[in-house]
Amino acid sequence: MAYVVTENCIRCKYTDCVAVCPVDCFYAGENMLVIHPDECIDCGVCEPECPAGAIMPDSDPRAANWAALNAEYAAQWPNITEKIDPPADADAWNGKDGKRDLLSSAPAA
């Protein structure tokens, strides 16, 4: 089992989770983070750290559509190991529904 980053991370991209991850399994896209499923040790320390509540176990039914996306982009995006500032408008995007179409496939700059 692993943890998965889901829709609410899109355009929020808080990195509090990255700061606590003991195995550095987060990868950064332009406007979202993902977790590499083969690197995640299922410790769960990242889940309560996410201000957007966007991280959940891959066993959660709400994570089903996001597990494959996490695996796909973790293989393409750069690894992130330190907390960075979120986008200036992150709080305005936190909790908004229907953000899936806003996901950028571009890696973080």
PDB file of N, CA and C in Angstrom:
ATOM      1  N   MET A   1       0.841  -1.177   0.000  1.00  0.00           N
ATOM      2  CA  MET A   1       0.000   0.000   0.000  1.00  0.00           C
ATOM      3  C   MET A   1       0.889   1.244   0.000  1.00  0.00           C
ATOM      4  N   ALA A   2       0.389   2.309  -0.567  1.00  0.00           N
ATOM      5  CA  ALA A   2       1.097   3.588  -0.608  1.00  0.00           C
ATOM      6  C   ALA A   2       0.081   4.705  -0.419  1.00  0.00           C
ATOM      7  N   TYR A   3       0.579   5.888  -0.274  1.00  0.00           N
ATOM      8  CA  TYR A   3      -0.293   7.061  -0.208  1.00  0.00           C
ATOM      9  C   TYR A   3      -0.340   7.697  -1.589  1.00  0.00           C
ATOM     10  N   VAL A   4      -1.400   8.469  -1.816  1.00  0.00           N
ATOM     11  CA  VAL A   4      -1.674   9.052  -3.124  1.00  0.00           C
ATOM     12  C   VAL A   4      -2.047  10.525  -2.937  1.00  0.00           C
ATOM     13  N   VAL A   5      -1.562  11.367  -3.832  1.00  0.00           N
ATOM     14  CA  VAL A   5      -1.964  12.767  -3.853  1.00  0.00           C
ATOM     15  C   VAL A   5      -3.147  12.872  -4.811  1.00  0.00           C
ATOM     16  N   THR A   6      -4.189  13.564  -4.383  1.00  0.00           N
ATOM     17  CA  THR A   6      -5.427  13.639  -5.159  1.00  0.00           C
ATOM     18  C   THR A   6      -5.730  15.063  -5.626  1.00  0.00           C
ATOM     19  N   GLU A   7      -6.890  15.223  -6.198  1.00  0.00           N
ATOM     20  CA  GLU A   7      -7.297  16.441  -6.908  1.00  0.00           C
ATOM     21  C   GLU A   7      -7.089  17.748  -6.150  1.00  0.00           C
ATOM     22  N   ASN A   8      -7.315  17.764  -4.846  1.00  0.00           N
ATOM     23  CA  ASN A   8      -7.246  19.051  -4.168  1.00  0.00           C
ATOM     24  C   ASN A   8      -5.840  19.640  -4.126  1.00  0.00           C
ATOM     25  N   CYS A   9      -4.830  18.874  -4.488  1.00  0.00           N
ATOM     26  CA  CYS A   9      -3.470  19.426  -4.560  1.00  0.00           C
ATOM     27  C   CYS A   9      -3.313  20.354  -5.776  1.00  0.00           C
ATOM     28  N   ILE A  10      -4.105  20.122  -6.798  1.00  0.00           N
ATOM     29  CA  ILE A  10      -3.981  20.914  -8.026  1.00  0.00           C
ATOM     30  C   ILE A  10      -4.199  22.392  -7.714  1.00  0.00           C
ATOM     31  N   ARG A  11      -3.256  23.195  -8.115  1.00  0.00           N
ATOM     32  CA  ARG A  11      -3.230  24.647  -7.941  1.00  0.00           C
ATOM     33  C   ARG A  11      -3.004  25.077  -6.498  1.00  0.00           C
ATOM     34  N   CYS A  12      -2.968  24.139  -5.545  1.00  0.00           N
ATOM     35  CA  CYS A  12      -2.619  24.461  -4.161  1.00  0.00           C
ATOM     36  C   CYS A  12      -1.134  24.193  -3.962  1.00  0.00           C
ATOM     37  N   LYS A  13      -0.736  22.955  -4.237  1.00  0.00           N
ATOM     38  CA  LYS A  13       0.667  22.533  -4.220  1.00  0.00           C
ATOM     39  C   LYS A  13       1.416  22.974  -2.957  1.00  0.00           C
ATOM     40  N   TYR A  14       0.778  22.733  -1.819  1.00  0.00           N
ATOM     41  CA  TYR A  14       1.478  22.933  -0.549  1.00  0.00           C
ATOM     42  C   TYR A  14       2.543  21.841  -0.438  1.00  0.00           C
ATOM     43  N   THR A  15       3.648  22.129   0.179  1.00  0.00           N
ATOM     44  CA  THR A  15       4.717  21.138   0.272  1.00  0.00           C
ATOM     45  C   THR A  15       5.063  20.779   1.721  1.00  0.00           C
ATOM     46  N   ASP A  16       4.140  21.006   2.618  1.00  0.00           N
ATOM     47  CA  ASP A  16       4.344  20.621   4.013  1.00  0.00           C
ATOM     48  C   ASP A  16       4.633  19.119   4.109  1.00  0.00           C
ATOM     49  N   CYS A  17       3.986  18.350   3.254  1.00  0.00           N
ATOM     50  CA  CYS A  17       4.146  16.899   3.216  1.00  0.00           C
ATOM     51  C   CYS A  17       5.575  16.501   2.860  1.00  0.00           C
ATOM     52  N   VAL A  18       6.174  17.234   1.972  1.00  0.00           N
ATOM     53  CA  VAL A  18       7.530  16.939   1.515  1.00  0.00           C
ATOM     54  C   VAL A  18       8.512  17.056   2.673  1.00  0.00           C
ATOM     55  N   ALA A  19       8.305  18.045   3.525  1.00  0.00           N
ATOM     56  CA  ALA A  19       9.222  18.299   4.634  1.00  0.00           C
ATOM     57  C   ALA A  19       9.269  17.158   5.647  1.00  0.00           C
ATOM     58  N   VAL A  20       8.200  16.379   5.752  1.00  0.00           N
ATOM     59  CA  VAL A  20       8.160  15.303   6.750  1.00  0.00           C
ATOM     60  C   VAL A  20       8.408  13.916   6.180  1.00  0.00           C
ATOM     61  N   CYS A  21       8.467  13.786   4.870  1.00  0.00           N
ATOM     62  CA  CYS A  21       8.612  12.471   4.244  1.00  0.00           C
ATOM     63  C   CYS A  21      10.008  11.896   4.514  1.00  0.00           C
ATOM     64  N   PRO A  22      10.079  10.730   5.167  1.00  0.00           N
ATOM     65  CA  PRO A  22      11.389  10.167   5.494  1.00  0.00           C
ATOM     66  C   PRO A  22      12.105   9.510   4.316  1.00  0.00           C
ATOM     67  N   VAL A  23      11.401   9.286   3.211  1.00  0.00           N
ATOM     68  CA  VAL A  23      12.025   8.603   2.072  1.00  0.00           C
ATOM     69  C   VAL A  23      12.035   9.436   0.787  1.00  0.00           C
ATOM     70  N   ASP A  24      11.653  10.710   0.878  1.00  0.00           N
ATOM     71  CA  ASP A  24      11.695  11.620  -0.278  1.00  0.00           C
ATOM     72  C   ASP A  24      11.001  11.042  -1.504  1.00  0.00           C
ATOM     73  N   CYS A  25       9.743  10.648  -1.355  1.00  0.00           N
ATOM     74  CA  CYS A  25       9.024  10.006  -2.459  1.00  0.00           C
ATOM     75  C   CYS A  25       8.065  10.948  -3.181  1.00  0.00           C
ATOM     76  N   PHE A  26       8.200  12.262  -2.970  1.00  0.00           N
ATOM     77  CA  PHE A  26       7.343  13.233  -3.652  1.00  0.00           C
ATOM     78  C   PHE A  26       8.014  13.753  -4.923  1.00  0.00           C
ATOM     79  N   TYR A  27       7.197  13.989  -5.919  1.00  0.00           N
ATOM     80  CA  TYR A  27       7.654  14.503  -7.210  1.00  0.00           C
ATOM     81  C   TYR A  27       6.774  15.690  -7.572  1.00  0.00           C
ATOM     82  N   ALA A  28       7.380  16.697  -8.203  1.00  0.00           N
ATOM     83  CA  ALA A  28       6.702  17.965  -8.416  1.00  0.00           C
ATOM     84  C   ALA A  28       6.403  18.258  -9.872  1.00  0.00           C
ATOM     85  N   GLY A  29       5.136  18.526 -10.118  1.00  0.00           N
ATOM     86  CA  GLY A  29       4.711  19.031 -11.407  1.00  0.00           C
ATOM     87  C   GLY A  29       4.539  20.532 -11.322  1.00  0.00           C
ATOM     88  N   GLU A  30       4.155  21.119 -12.409  1.00  0.00           N
ATOM     89  CA  GLU A  30       3.971  22.566 -12.457  1.00  0.00           C
ATOM     90  C   GLU A  30       2.961  23.043 -11.418  1.00  0.00           C
ATOM     91  N   ASN A  31       1.854  22.293 -11.236  1.00  0.00           N
ATOM     92  CA  ASN A  31       0.838  22.760 -10.292  1.00  0.00           C
ATOM     93  C   ASN A  31       0.294  21.668  -9.363  1.00  0.00           C
ATOM     94  N   MET A  32       1.063  20.589  -9.174  1.00  0.00           N
ATOM     95  CA  MET A  32       0.635  19.502  -8.298  1.00  0.00           C
ATOM     96  C   MET A  32       1.846  18.672  -7.893  1.00  0.00           C
ATOM     97  N   LEU A  33       1.713  17.979  -6.777  1.00  0.00           N
ATOM     98  CA  LEU A  33       2.701  16.998  -6.340  1.00  0.00           C
ATOM     99  C   LEU A  33       2.114  15.605  -6.530  1.00  0.00           C
ATOM    100  N   VAL A  34       2.986  14.609  -6.641  1.00  0.00           N
ATOM    101  CA  VAL A  34       2.556  13.208  -6.653  1.00  0.00           C
ATOM    102  C   VAL A  34       3.512  12.403  -5.783  1.00  0.00           C
ATOM    103  N   ILE A  35       3.074  11.204  -5.414  1.00  0.00           N
ATOM    104  CA  ILE A  35       3.878  10.291  -4.612  1.00  0.00           C
ATOM    105  C   ILE A  35       4.248   9.088  -5.475  1.00  0.00           C
ATOM    106  N   HIS A  36       5.518   8.719  -5.446  1.00  0.00           N
ATOM    107  CA  HIS A  36       5.956   7.536  -6.189  1.00  0.00           C
ATOM    108  C   HIS A  36       5.522   6.296  -5.407  1.00  0.00           C
ATOM    109  N   PRO A  37       4.666   5.457  -5.985  1.00  0.00           N
ATOM    110  CA  PRO A  37       4.118   4.322  -5.232  1.00  0.00           C
ATOM    111  C   PRO A  37       5.153   3.272  -4.841  1.00  0.00           C
ATOM    112  N   ASP A  38       6.238   3.158  -5.582  1.00  0.00           N
ATOM    113  CA  ASP A  38       7.264   2.165  -5.261  1.00  0.00           C
ATOM    114  C   ASP A  38       8.265   2.673  -4.220  1.00  0.00           C
ATOM    115  N   GLU A  39       8.230   3.958  -3.945  1.00  0.00           N
ATOM    116  CA  GLU A  39       9.140   4.539  -2.962  1.00  0.00           C
ATOM    117  C   GLU A  39       8.456   4.822  -1.629  1.00  0.00           C
ATOM    118  N   CYS A  40       7.145   5.004  -1.654  1.00  0.00           N
ATOM    119  CA  CYS A  40       6.373   5.290  -0.441  1.00  0.00           C
ATOM    120  C   CYS A  40       6.411   4.068   0.480  1.00  0.00           C
ATOM    121  N   ILE A  41       6.718   4.302   1.757  1.00  0.00           N
ATOM    122  CA  ILE A  41       6.791   3.197   2.724  1.00  0.00           C
ATOM    123  C   ILE A  41       5.526   3.105   3.570  1.00  0.00           C
ATOM    124  N   ASP A  42       4.494   3.838   3.202  1.00  0.00           N
ATOM    125  CA  ASP A  42       3.195   3.759   3.867  1.00  0.00           C
ATOM    126  C   ASP A  42       3.267   4.153   5.342  1.00  0.00           C
ATOM    127  N   CYS A  43       4.118   5.109   5.658  1.00  0.00           N
ATOM    128  CA  CYS A  43       4.241   5.536   7.056  1.00  0.00           C
ATOM    129  C   CYS A  43       3.109   6.469   7.463  1.00  0.00           C
ATOM    130  N   GLY A  44       2.557   7.207   6.502  1.00  0.00           N
ATOM    131  CA  GLY A  44       1.412   8.067   6.764  1.00  0.00           C
ATOM    132  C   GLY A  44       1.712   9.418   7.373  1.00  0.00           C
ATOM    133  N   VAL A  45       2.969   9.773   7.575  1.00  0.00           N
ATOM    134  CA  VAL A  45       3.263  11.064   8.204  1.00  0.00           C
ATOM    135  C   VAL A  45       2.883  12.250   7.317  1.00  0.00           C
ATOM    136  N   CYS A  46       2.804  12.043   6.019  1.00  0.00           N
ATOM    137  CA  CYS A  46       2.471  13.126   5.098  1.00  0.00           C
ATOM    138  C   CYS A  46       0.987  13.515   5.145  1.00  0.00           C
ATOM    139  N   GLU A  47       0.138  12.547   5.382  1.00  0.00           N
ATOM    140  CA  GLU A  47      -1.313  12.783   5.291  1.00  0.00           C
ATOM    141  C   GLU A  47      -1.801  13.915   6.198  1.00  0.00           C
ATOM    142  N   PRO A  48      -1.488  13.919   7.487  1.00  0.00           N
ATOM    143  CA  PRO A  48      -1.985  15.010   8.338  1.00  0.00           C
ATOM    144  C   PRO A  48      -1.287  16.346   8.095  1.00  0.00           C
ATOM    145  N   GLU A  49      -0.158  16.340   7.409  1.00  0.00           N
ATOM    146  CA  GLU A  49       0.581  17.575   7.147  1.00  0.00           C
ATOM    147  C   GLU A  49       0.010  18.377   5.985  1.00  0.00           C
ATOM    148  N   CYS A  50      -0.795  17.754   5.145  1.00  0.00           N
ATOM    149  CA  CYS A  50      -1.324  18.427   3.959  1.00  0.00           C
ATOM    150  C   CYS A  50      -2.458  19.385   4.325  1.00  0.00           C
ATOM    151  N   PRO A  51      -2.242  20.701   4.176  1.00  0.00           N
ATOM    152  CA  PRO A  51      -3.287  21.665   4.505  1.00  0.00           C
ATOM    153  C   PRO A  51      -4.535  21.527   3.628  1.00  0.00           C
ATOM    154  N   ALA A  52      -4.374  20.904   2.480  1.00  0.00           N
ATOM    155  CA  ALA A  52      -5.499  20.754   1.553  1.00  0.00           C
ATOM    156  C   ALA A  52      -6.217  19.411   1.722  1.00  0.00           C
ATOM    157  N   GLY A  53      -5.699  18.537   2.569  1.00  0.00           N
ATOM    158  CA  GLY A  53      -6.318  17.227   2.733  1.00  0.00           C
ATOM    159  C   GLY A  53      -6.304  16.418   1.448  1.00  0.00           C
ATOM    160  N   ALA A  54      -5.270  16.596   0.648  1.00  0.00           N
ATOM    161  CA  ALA A  54      -5.202  15.976  -0.681  1.00  0.00           C
ATOM    162  C   ALA A  54      -4.492  14.629  -0.686  1.00  0.00           C
ATOM    163  N   ILE A  55      -3.998  14.180   0.460  1.00  0.00           N
ATOM    164  CA  ILE A  55      -3.253  12.917   0.525  1.00  0.00           C
ATOM    165  C   ILE A  55      -4.092  11.876   1.258  1.00  0.00           C
ATOM    166  N   MET A  56      -4.154  10.682   0.672  1.00  0.00           N
ATOM    167  CA  MET A  56      -4.900   9.590   1.299  1.00  0.00           C
ATOM    168  C   MET A  56      -4.295   8.253   0.900  1.00  0.00           C
ATOM    169  N   PRO A  57      -4.598   7.194   1.647  1.00  0.00           N
ATOM    170  CA  PRO A  57      -4.093   5.872   1.286  1.00  0.00           C
ATOM    171  C   PRO A  57      -4.673   5.424  -0.057  1.00  0.00           C
ATOM    172  N   ASP A  58      -3.899   4.668  -0.809  1.00  0.00           N
ATOM    173  CA  ASP A  58      -4.405   4.202  -2.101  1.00  0.00           C
ATOM    174  C   ASP A  58      -5.545   3.208  -1.943  1.00  0.00           C
ATOM    175  N   SER A  59      -5.782   2.731  -0.739  1.00  0.00           N
ATOM    176  CA  SER A  59      -6.909   1.835  -0.479  1.00  0.00           C
ATOM    177  C   SER A  59      -8.225   2.580  -0.327  1.00  0.00           C
ATOM    178  N   ASP A  60      -8.174   3.895  -0.175  1.00  0.00           N
ATOM    179  CA  ASP A  60      -9.381   4.711  -0.073  1.00  0.00           C
ATOM    180  C   ASP A  60     -10.041   4.773  -1.448  1.00  0.00           C
ATOM    181  N   PRO A  61     -11.331   4.481  -1.550  1.00  0.00           N
ATOM    182  CA  PRO A  61     -12.005   4.512  -2.857  1.00  0.00           C
ATOM    183  C   PRO A  61     -11.869   5.850  -3.593  1.00  0.00           C
ATOM    184  N   ARG A  62     -11.741   6.939  -2.860  1.00  0.00           N
ATOM    185  CA  ARG A  62     -11.584   8.260  -3.503  1.00  0.00           C
ATOM    186  C   ARG A  62     -10.240   8.408  -4.191  1.00  0.00           C
ATOM    187  N   ALA A  63      -9.290   7.536  -3.864  1.00  0.00           N
ATOM    188  CA  ALA A  63      -7.943   7.609  -4.445  1.00  0.00           C
ATOM    189  C   ALA A  63      -7.801   6.772  -5.705  1.00  0.00           C
ATOM    190  N   ALA A  64      -8.802   5.973  -6.011  1.00  0.00           N
ATOM    191  CA  ALA A  64      -8.696   5.008  -7.114  1.00  0.00           C
ATOM    192  C   ALA A  64      -8.250   5.632  -8.431  1.00  0.00           C
ATOM    193  N   ASN A  65      -8.827   6.733  -8.814  1.00  0.00           N
ATOM    194  CA  ASN A  65      -8.493   7.362 -10.092  1.00  0.00           C
ATOM    195  C   ASN A  65      -7.160   8.109 -10.050  1.00  0.00           C
ATOM    196  N   TRP A  66      -6.604   8.298  -8.880  1.00  0.00           N
ATOM    197  CA  TRP A  66      -5.387   9.084  -8.733  1.00  0.00           C
ATOM    198  C   TRP A  66      -4.129   8.243  -8.586  1.00  0.00           C
ATOM    199  N   ALA A  67      -4.265   6.986  -8.233  1.00  0.00           N
ATOM    200  CA  ALA A  67      -3.095   6.131  -8.029  1.00  0.00           C
ATOM    201  C   ALA A  67      -2.279   5.981  -9.313  1.00  0.00           C
ATOM    202  N   ALA A  68      -2.943   5.708 -10.421  1.00  0.00           N
ATOM    203  CA  ALA A  68      -2.231   5.552 -11.694  1.00  0.00           C
ATOM    204  C   ALA A  68      -1.584   6.866 -12.122  1.00  0.00           C
ATOM    205  N   LEU A  69      -2.274   7.966 -11.889  1.00  0.00           N
ATOM    206  CA  LEU A  69      -1.728   9.276 -12.244  1.00  0.00           C
ATOM    207  C   LEU A  69      -0.474   9.570 -11.421  1.00  0.00           C
ATOM    208  N   ASN A  70      -0.500   9.249 -10.124  1.00  0.00           N
ATOM    209  CA  ASN A  70       0.683   9.448  -9.286  1.00  0.00           C
ATOM    210  C   ASN A  70       1.855   8.646  -9.825  1.00  0.00           C
ATOM    211  N   ALA A  71       1.617   7.391 -10.157  1.00  0.00           N
ATOM    212  CA  ALA A  71       2.690   6.537 -10.673  1.00  0.00           C
ATOM    213  C   ALA A  71       3.235   7.068 -11.994  1.00  0.00           C
ATOM    214  N   GLU A  72       2.344   7.479 -12.880  1.00  0.00           N
ATOM    215  CA  GLU A  72       2.760   7.988 -14.199  1.00  0.00           C
ATOM    216  C   GLU A  72       3.639   9.231 -14.072  1.00  0.00           C
ATOM    217  N   TYR A  73       3.177  10.210 -13.312  1.00  0.00           N
ATOM    218  CA  TYR A  73       3.920  11.463 -13.228  1.00  0.00           C
ATOM    219  C   TYR A  73       5.152  11.363 -12.330  1.00  0.00           C
ATOM    220  N   ALA A  74       5.154  10.464 -11.342  1.00  0.00           N
ATOM    221  CA  ALA A  74       6.349  10.279 -10.515  1.00  0.00           C
ATOM    222  C   ALA A  74       7.519   9.795 -11.359  1.00  0.00           C
ATOM    223  N   ALA A  75       7.218   9.103 -12.443  1.00  0.00           N
ATOM    224  CA  ALA A  75       8.271   8.624 -13.343  1.00  0.00           C
ATOM    225  C   ALA A  75       8.767   9.720 -14.285  1.00  0.00           C
ATOM    226  N   GLN A  76       8.054  10.852 -14.358  1.00  0.00           N
ATOM    227  CA  GLN A  76       8.396  11.915 -15.300  1.00  0.00           C
ATOM    228  C   GLN A  76       8.858  13.205 -14.631  1.00  0.00           C
ATOM    229  N   TRP A  77       8.344  13.497 -13.471  1.00  0.00           N
ATOM    230  CA  TRP A  77       8.606  14.769 -12.811  1.00  0.00           C
ATOM    231  C   TRP A  77       9.825  14.676 -11.896  1.00  0.00           C
ATOM    232  N   PRO A  78      10.434  15.831 -11.570  1.00  0.00           N
ATOM    233  CA  PRO A  78      11.598  15.819 -10.675  1.00  0.00           C
ATOM    234  C   PRO A  78      11.215  15.570  -9.218  1.00  0.00           C
ATOM    235  N   ASN A  79      12.124  14.922  -8.510  1.00  0.00           N
ATOM    236  CA  ASN A  79      11.951  14.669  -7.089  1.00  0.00           C
ATOM    237  C   ASN A  79      12.048  15.988  -6.330  1.00  0.00           C
ATOM    238  N   ILE A  80      11.210  16.137  -5.312  1.00  0.00           N
ATOM    239  CA  ILE A  80      11.267  17.323  -4.458  1.00  0.00           C
ATOM    240  C   ILE A  80      11.507  16.842  -3.032  1.00  0.00           C
ATOM    241  N   THR A  81      12.485  17.434  -2.357  1.00  0.00           N
ATOM    242  CA  THR A  81      12.869  16.962  -1.033  1.00  0.00           C
ATOM    243  C   THR A  81      12.798  18.033   0.049  1.00  0.00           C
ATOM    244  N   GLU A  82      12.468  19.259  -0.326  1.00  0.00           N
ATOM    245  CA  GLU A  82      12.389  20.344   0.648  1.00  0.00           C
ATOM    246  C   GLU A  82      11.120  21.148   0.436  1.00  0.00           C
ATOM    247  N   LYS A  83      10.619  21.679   1.531  1.00  0.00           N
ATOM    248  CA  LYS A  83       9.423  22.520   1.478  1.00  0.00           C
ATOM    249  C   LYS A  83       9.740  23.818   0.746  1.00  0.00           C
ATOM    250  N   ILE A  84       8.822  24.219  -0.129  1.00  0.00           N
ATOM    251  CA  ILE A  84       8.927  25.496  -0.822  1.00  0.00           C
ATOM    252  C   ILE A  84       7.622  26.259  -0.588  1.00  0.00           C
ATOM    253  N   ASP A  85       7.628  27.526  -0.903  1.00  0.00           N
ATOM    254  CA  ASP A  85       6.414  28.317  -0.742  1.00  0.00           C
ATOM    255  C   ASP A  85       5.345  27.862  -1.730  1.00  0.00           C
ATOM    256  N   PRO A  86       4.091  27.815  -1.294  1.00  0.00           N
ATOM    257  CA  PRO A  86       3.011  27.456  -2.212  1.00  0.00           C
ATOM    258  C   PRO A  86       2.736  28.615  -3.166  1.00  0.00           C
ATOM    259  N   PRO A  87       1.989  28.361  -4.226  1.00  0.00           N
ATOM    260  CA  PRO A  87       1.601  29.457  -5.114  1.00  0.00           C
ATOM    261  C   PRO A  87       0.867  30.548  -4.318  1.00  0.00           C
ATOM    262  N   ALA A  88       0.964  31.770  -4.759  1.00  0.00           N
ATOM    263  CA  ALA A  88       0.358  32.898  -4.051  1.00  0.00           C
ATOM    264  C   ALA A  88      -1.154  32.736  -3.882  1.00  0.00           C
ATOM    265  N   ASP A  89      -1.793  32.071  -4.834  1.00  0.00           N
ATOM    266  CA  ASP A  89      -3.252  31.911  -4.766  1.00  0.00           C
ATOM    267  C   ASP A  89      -3.685  30.532  -4.263  1.00  0.00           C
ATOM    268  N   ALA A  90      -2.787  29.807  -3.611  1.00  0.00           N
ATOM    269  CA  ALA A  90      -3.085  28.443  -3.149  1.00  0.00           C
ATOM    270  C   ALA A  90      -4.311  28.390  -2.246  1.00  0.00           C
ATOM    271  N   ASP A  91      -4.404  29.296  -1.294  1.00  0.00           N
ATOM    272  CA  ASP A  91      -5.540  29.274  -0.366  1.00  0.00           C
ATOM    273  C   ASP A  91      -6.869  29.485  -1.088  1.00  0.00           C
ATOM    274  N   ALA A  92      -6.860  30.275  -2.138  1.00  0.00           N
ATOM    275  CA  ALA A  92      -8.088  30.513  -2.904  1.00  0.00           C
ATOM    276  C   ALA A  92      -8.537  29.252  -3.640  1.00  0.00           C
ATOM    277  N   TRP A  93      -7.601  28.382  -4.006  1.00  0.00           N
ATOM    278  CA  TRP A  93      -7.923  27.148  -4.727  1.00  0.00           C
ATOM    279  C   TRP A  93      -8.238  25.983  -3.800  1.00  0.00           C
ATOM    280  N   ASN A  94      -7.825  26.078  -2.554  1.00  0.00           N
ATOM    281  CA  ASN A  94      -8.015  24.984  -1.609  1.00  0.00           C
ATOM    282  C   ASN A  94      -9.506  24.694  -1.419  1.00  0.00           C
ATOM    283  N   GLY A  95      -9.885  23.449  -1.669  1.00  0.00           N
ATOM    284  CA  GLY A  95     -11.266  23.023  -1.472  1.00  0.00           C
ATOM    285  C   GLY A  95     -12.181  23.187  -2.666  1.00  0.00           C
ATOM    286  N   LYS A  96     -11.690  23.775  -3.750  1.00  0.00           N
ATOM    287  CA  LYS A  96     -12.539  23.930  -4.939  1.00  0.00           C
ATOM    288  C   LYS A  96     -12.703  22.587  -5.635  1.00  0.00           C
ATOM    289  N   ASP A  97     -13.902  22.306  -6.091  1.00  0.00           N
ATOM    290  CA  ASP A  97     -14.186  21.076  -6.833  1.00  0.00           C
ATOM    291  C   ASP A  97     -13.877  21.254  -8.312  1.00  0.00           C
ATOM    292  N   GLY A  98     -13.707  20.138  -8.988  1.00  0.00           N
ATOM    293  CA  GLY A  98     -13.558  20.164 -10.438  1.00  0.00           C
ATOM    294  C   GLY A  98     -12.232  20.698 -10.944  1.00  0.00           C
ATOM    295  N   LYS A  99     -11.156  20.461 -10.224  1.00  0.00           N
ATOM    296  CA  LYS A  99      -9.855  20.981 -10.641  1.00  0.00           C
ATOM    297  C   LYS A  99      -9.096  20.025 -11.553  1.00  0.00           C
ATOM    298  N   ARG A 100      -9.584  18.822 -11.783  1.00  0.00           N
ATOM    299  CA  ARG A 100      -8.858  17.805 -12.580  1.00  0.00           C
ATOM    300  C   ARG A 100      -8.443  18.340 -13.939  1.00  0.00           C
ATOM    301  N   ASP A 101      -9.320  19.092 -14.597  1.00  0.00           N
ATOM    302  CA  ASP A 101      -8.996  19.617 -15.929  1.00  0.00           C
ATOM    303  C   ASP A 101      -7.906  20.687 -15.894  1.00  0.00           C
ATOM    304  N   LEU A 102      -7.578  21.177 -14.699  1.00  0.00           N
ATOM    305  CA  LEU A 102      -6.530  22.199 -14.573  1.00  0.00           C
ATOM    306  C   LEU A 102      -5.152  21.599 -14.361  1.00  0.00           C
ATOM    307  N   LEU A 103      -5.087  20.291 -14.188  1.00  0.00           N
ATOM    308  CA  LEU A 103      -3.803  19.628 -13.959  1.00  0.00           C
ATOM    309  C   LEU A 103      -2.881  19.797 -15.160  1.00  0.00           C
ATOM    310  N   SER A 104      -1.694  20.295 -14.892  1.00  0.00           N
ATOM    311  CA  SER A 104      -0.680  20.446 -15.919  1.00  0.00           C
ATOM    312  C   SER A 104       0.226  19.208 -15.890  1.00  0.00           C
ATOM    313  N   SER A 105       0.528  18.676 -17.047  1.00  0.00           N
ATOM    314  CA  SER A 105       1.439  17.535 -17.126  1.00  0.00           C
ATOM    315  C   SER A 105       2.905  17.968 -17.137  1.00  0.00           C
ATOM    316  N   ALA A 106       3.135  19.269 -17.149  1.00  0.00           N
ATOM    317  CA  ALA A 106       4.503  19.799 -17.188  1.00  0.00           C
ATOM    318  C   ALA A 106       5.192  19.591 -15.835  1.00  0.00           C
ATOM    319  N   PRO A 107       6.476  19.284 -15.856  1.00  0.00           N
ATOM    320  CA  PRO A 107       7.222  19.165 -14.583  1.00  0.00           C
ATOM    321  C   PRO A 107       7.424  20.534 -13.961  1.00  0.00           C
ATOM    322  N   ALA A 108       7.737  20.533 -12.670  1.00  0.00           N
ATOM    323  CA  ALA A 108       8.063  21.785 -11.977  1.00  0.00           C
ATOM    324  C   ALA A 108       9.296  22.396 -12.625  1.00  0.00           C
ATOM    325  N   ALA A 109       9.308  23.701 -12.632  1.00  0.00           N
ATOM    326  CA  ALA A 109      10.446  24.408 -13.223  1.00  0.00           C
ATOM    327  C   ALA A 109      11.618  24.432 -12.291  1.00  0.00           C
TER     328      ALA A 109
END
